[in-house]
Amino acid sequence: ANGDGSSDASVVILSPLPYVPGSVIENHVGRVEVILIRETMDVSHEGGASSFVSRVMMEAQSMLRSKTLAFGGNALIGMEMHRFETQRSNNRMQVYIVIIASGDAVVIGPASTFGREEEE
């Protein structure tokens, strides 16, 4: 539970590693993939190219979390995110971006420390 009394049931951990440190994988629930295609005709209205790209990458991460929850997982391991972006020459204001993101949805639990049960 969080400090405000709400549950952590909707928290999904994203990890580029094949595991989540301090946790044990209890179940592999499936492969998650997201492909996003976004375009802006005037990147100056989006806060600049880097701001636009960051926003689209955050959207991809949000979609990975949502799909992981839908599969019944609470973590995504081996997360990869590939970005392809182009800018048109008309004053470099038009940006087109494709993001391909994927990973393995898993259910994790806390790792027990060896010998800890004997101490209690």
C-alpha atoms as a PDB file:
ATOM      1  CA  ALA A   1       0.000   0.000   0.000  1.00  0.00           C
ATOM      2  CA  ASN A   2       1.074   3.567  -0.602  1.00  0.00           C
ATOM      3  CA  GLY A   3       1.398   6.053   2.231  1.00  0.00           C
ATOM      4  CA  ASP A   4      -2.093   7.375   1.436  1.00  0.00           C
ATOM      5  CA  GLY A   5      -3.710   3.981   2.013  1.00  0.00           C
ATOM      6  CA  SER A   6      -4.244   3.175  -1.675  1.00  0.00           C
ATOM      7  CA  SER A   7      -3.102  -0.089  -3.239  1.00  0.00           C
ATOM      8  CA  ASP A   8      -0.003  -0.643  -5.413  1.00  0.00           C
ATOM      9  CA  ALA A   9      -2.023  -3.026  -7.649  1.00  0.00           C
ATOM     10  CA  SER A  10      -1.771  -0.649 -10.622  1.00  0.00           C
ATOM     11  CA  VAL A  11       1.993  -0.022 -10.362  1.00  0.00           C
ATOM     12  CA  VAL A  12       3.964  -1.598 -13.209  1.00  0.00           C
ATOM     13  CA  ILE A  13       7.754  -1.636 -13.079  1.00  0.00           C
ATOM     14  CA  LEU A  14       9.595  -1.239 -16.399  1.00  0.00           C
ATOM     15  CA  SER A  15      13.078  -2.742 -16.557  1.00  0.00           C
ATOM     16  CA  PRO A  16      15.538  -3.091 -19.438  1.00  0.00           C
ATOM     17  CA  LEU A  17      17.114  -5.955 -17.490  1.00  0.00           C
ATOM     18  CA  PRO A  18      15.901  -9.577 -17.751  1.00  0.00           C
ATOM     19  CA  TYR A  19      14.793  -9.289 -14.105  1.00  0.00           C
ATOM     20  CA  VAL A  20      13.745  -6.714 -11.502  1.00  0.00           C
ATOM     21  CA  PRO A  21      16.423  -6.286  -8.801  1.00  0.00           C
ATOM     22  CA  GLY A  22      15.219  -7.428  -5.380  1.00  0.00           C
ATOM     23  CA  SER A  23      12.351  -9.438  -6.863  1.00  0.00           C
ATOM     24  CA  VAL A  24      11.663 -12.931  -8.070  1.00  0.00           C
ATOM     25  CA  ILE A  25       9.691 -13.739 -11.226  1.00  0.00           C
ATOM     26  CA  GLU A  26       6.651 -15.794 -10.254  1.00  0.00           C
ATOM     27  CA  ASN A  27       5.009 -16.067 -13.681  1.00  0.00           C
ATOM     28  CA  HIS A  28       5.624 -15.036 -17.290  1.00  0.00           C
ATOM     29  CA  VAL A  29       2.294 -13.791 -18.693  1.00  0.00           C
ATOM     30  CA  GLY A  30       3.204 -12.803 -22.253  1.00  0.00           C
ATOM     31  CA  ARG A  31       5.024 -10.594 -24.713  1.00  0.00           C
ATOM     32  CA  VAL A  32       3.955  -6.946 -24.932  1.00  0.00           C
ATOM     33  CA  GLU A  33       4.567  -4.820 -28.022  1.00  0.00           C
ATOM     34  CA  VAL A  34       3.596  -1.261 -28.890  1.00  0.00           C
ATOM     35  CA  ILE A  35       4.073   0.602 -32.158  1.00  0.00           C
ATOM     36  CA  LEU A  36       3.404   4.336 -32.139  1.00  0.00           C
ATOM     37  CA  ILE A  37       3.417   6.667 -35.120  1.00  0.00           C
ATOM     38  CA  ARG A  38       3.102  10.379 -34.417  1.00  0.00           C
ATOM     39  CA  GLU A  39       3.535  13.516 -36.487  1.00  0.00           C
ATOM     40  CA  THR A  40       3.451  17.224 -35.830  1.00  0.00           C
ATOM     41  CA  MET A  41       3.306  19.839 -38.536  1.00  0.00           C
ATOM     42  CA  ASP A  42       4.769  22.598 -36.367  1.00  0.00           C
ATOM     43  CA  VAL A  43       7.076  21.362 -33.634  1.00  0.00           C
ATOM     44  CA  SER A  44       7.380  24.890 -32.210  1.00  0.00           C
ATOM     45  CA  HIS A  45       3.811  24.477 -30.863  1.00  0.00           C
ATOM     46  CA  GLU A  46       4.907  21.224 -29.176  1.00  0.00           C
ATOM     47  CA  GLY A  47       7.724  22.797 -27.149  1.00  0.00           C
ATOM     48  CA  GLY A  48      10.454  21.825 -29.610  1.00  0.00           C
ATOM     49  CA  ALA A  49      11.505  18.548 -31.197  1.00  0.00           C
ATOM     50  CA  SER A  50      13.045  17.059 -28.051  1.00  0.00           C
ATOM     51  CA  SER A  51       9.935  17.832 -26.005  1.00  0.00           C
ATOM     52  CA  PHE A  52       7.709  16.266 -28.669  1.00  0.00           C
ATOM     53  CA  VAL A  53       9.860  13.118 -28.833  1.00  0.00           C
ATOM     54  CA  SER A  54       9.968  12.835 -25.022  1.00  0.00           C
ATOM     55  CA  ARG A  55       6.178  13.079 -24.834  1.00  0.00           C
ATOM     56  CA  VAL A  56       5.735  10.329 -27.431  1.00  0.00           C
ATOM     57  CA  MET A  57       8.243   8.090 -25.602  1.00  0.00           C
ATOM     58  CA  MET A  58       6.332   8.612 -22.342  1.00  0.00           C
ATOM     59  CA  GLU A  59       3.121   7.700 -24.172  1.00  0.00           C
ATOM     60  CA  ALA A  60       4.749   4.451 -25.358  1.00  0.00           C
ATOM     61  CA  GLN A  61       5.817   3.623 -21.779  1.00  0.00           C
ATOM     62  CA  SER A  62       2.284   4.312 -20.550  1.00  0.00           C
ATOM     63  CA  MET A  63       0.881   1.961 -23.186  1.00  0.00           C
ATOM     64  CA  LEU A  64       3.384  -0.745 -22.179  1.00  0.00           C
ATOM     65  CA  ARG A  65       2.270  -0.393 -18.554  1.00  0.00           C
ATOM     66  CA  SER A  66      -1.416  -0.592 -19.519  1.00  0.00           C
ATOM     67  CA  LYS A  67      -0.919  -3.691 -21.657  1.00  0.00           C
ATOM     68  CA  THR A  68       1.153  -5.355 -18.908  1.00  0.00           C
ATOM     69  CA  LEU A  69      -1.690  -4.749 -16.431  1.00  0.00           C
ATOM     70  CA  ALA A  70      -4.221  -6.094 -18.940  1.00  0.00           C
ATOM     71  CA  PHE A  71      -2.155  -9.306 -19.216  1.00  0.00           C
ATOM     72  CA  GLY A  72      -2.216  -9.600 -15.414  1.00  0.00           C
ATOM     73  CA  GLY A  73       1.424  -8.639 -14.865  1.00  0.00           C
ATOM     74  CA  ASN A  74       3.027  -6.162 -12.505  1.00  0.00           C
ATOM     75  CA  ALA A  75       6.388  -5.741 -14.269  1.00  0.00           C
ATOM     76  CA  LEU A  76       7.809  -5.591 -17.776  1.00  0.00           C
ATOM     77  CA  ILE A  77      11.311  -7.007 -18.152  1.00  0.00           C
ATOM     78  CA  GLY A  78      13.714  -6.857 -21.088  1.00  0.00           C
ATOM     79  CA  MET A  79      12.113  -3.612 -22.226  1.00  0.00           C
ATOM     80  CA  GLU A  80      13.422  -2.284 -25.513  1.00  0.00           C
ATOM     81  CA  MET A  81      12.483   0.974 -27.170  1.00  0.00           C
ATOM     82  CA  HIS A  82      13.552   1.866 -30.696  1.00  0.00           C
ATOM     83  CA  ARG A  83      12.971   5.342 -32.089  1.00  0.00           C
ATOM     84  CA  PHE A  84      12.963   6.480 -35.698  1.00  0.00           C
ATOM     85  CA  GLU A  85      12.489  10.163 -36.330  1.00  0.00           C
ATOM     86  CA  THR A  86      12.604  12.434 -39.348  1.00  0.00           C
ATOM     87  CA  GLN A  87      12.365  16.187 -39.773  1.00  0.00           C
ATOM     88  CA  ARG A  88      11.211  17.822 -42.970  1.00  0.00           C
ATOM     89  CA  SER A  89      13.230  20.619 -44.476  1.00  0.00           C
ATOM     90  CA  ASN A  90      10.446  23.245 -44.315  1.00  0.00           C
ATOM     91  CA  ASN A  91      12.260  25.188 -41.608  1.00  0.00           C
ATOM     92  CA  ARG A  92      12.592  21.907 -39.657  1.00  0.00           C
ATOM     93  CA  MET A  93       9.157  22.403 -38.124  1.00  0.00           C
ATOM     94  CA  GLN A  94       7.558  19.093 -39.174  1.00  0.00           C
ATOM     95  CA  VAL A  95       8.565  15.981 -37.203  1.00  0.00           C
ATOM     96  CA  TYR A  96       7.512  12.392 -37.857  1.00  0.00           C
ATOM     97  CA  ILE A  97       8.360   9.708 -35.288  1.00  0.00           C
ATOM     98  CA  VAL A  98       7.904   5.943 -35.060  1.00  0.00           C
ATOM     99  CA  ILE A  99       8.499   4.162 -31.754  1.00  0.00           C
ATOM    100  CA  ILE A 100       8.613   0.397 -31.428  1.00  0.00           C
ATOM    101  CA  ALA A 101       8.656  -0.794 -27.813  1.00  0.00           C
ATOM    102  CA  SER A 102       8.444  -4.293 -26.362  1.00  0.00           C
ATOM    103  CA  GLY A 103       9.175  -6.482 -23.365  1.00  0.00           C
ATOM    104  CA  ASP A 104       8.019  -9.505 -21.394  1.00  0.00           C
ATOM    105  CA  ALA A 105       5.109  -9.048 -18.983  1.00  0.00           C
ATOM    106  CA  VAL A 106       5.702 -10.922 -15.732  1.00  0.00           C
ATOM    107  CA  VAL A 107       4.338 -11.233 -12.225  1.00  0.00           C
ATOM    108  CA  ILE A 108       7.016 -10.505  -9.638  1.00  0.00           C
ATOM    109  CA  GLY A 109       7.144 -10.880  -5.892  1.00  0.00           C
ATOM    110  CA  PRO A 110       9.673  -9.926  -3.244  1.00  0.00           C
ATOM    111  CA  ALA A 111      12.823 -12.007  -3.181  1.00  0.00           C
ATOM    112  CA  SER A 112      13.340 -13.818   0.100  1.00  0.00           C
ATOM    113  CA  THR A 113      16.786 -13.434   1.609  1.00  0.00           C
ATOM    114  CA  PHE A 114      18.623 -16.701   2.232  1.00  0.00           C
ATOM    115  CA  GLY A 115      18.733 -17.461   5.953  1.00  0.00           C
ATOM    116  CA  ARG A 116      16.298 -14.708   6.889  1.00  0.00           C
ATOM    117  CA  GLU A 117      13.551 -17.181   7.898  1.00  0.00           C
ATOM    118  CA  GLU A 118      15.952 -18.861  10.324  1.00  0.00           C
ATOM    119  CA  GLU A 119      16.634 -15.594  12.150  1.00  0.00           C
ATOM    120  CA  GLU A 120      12.975 -14.945  12.966  1.00  0.00           C
END
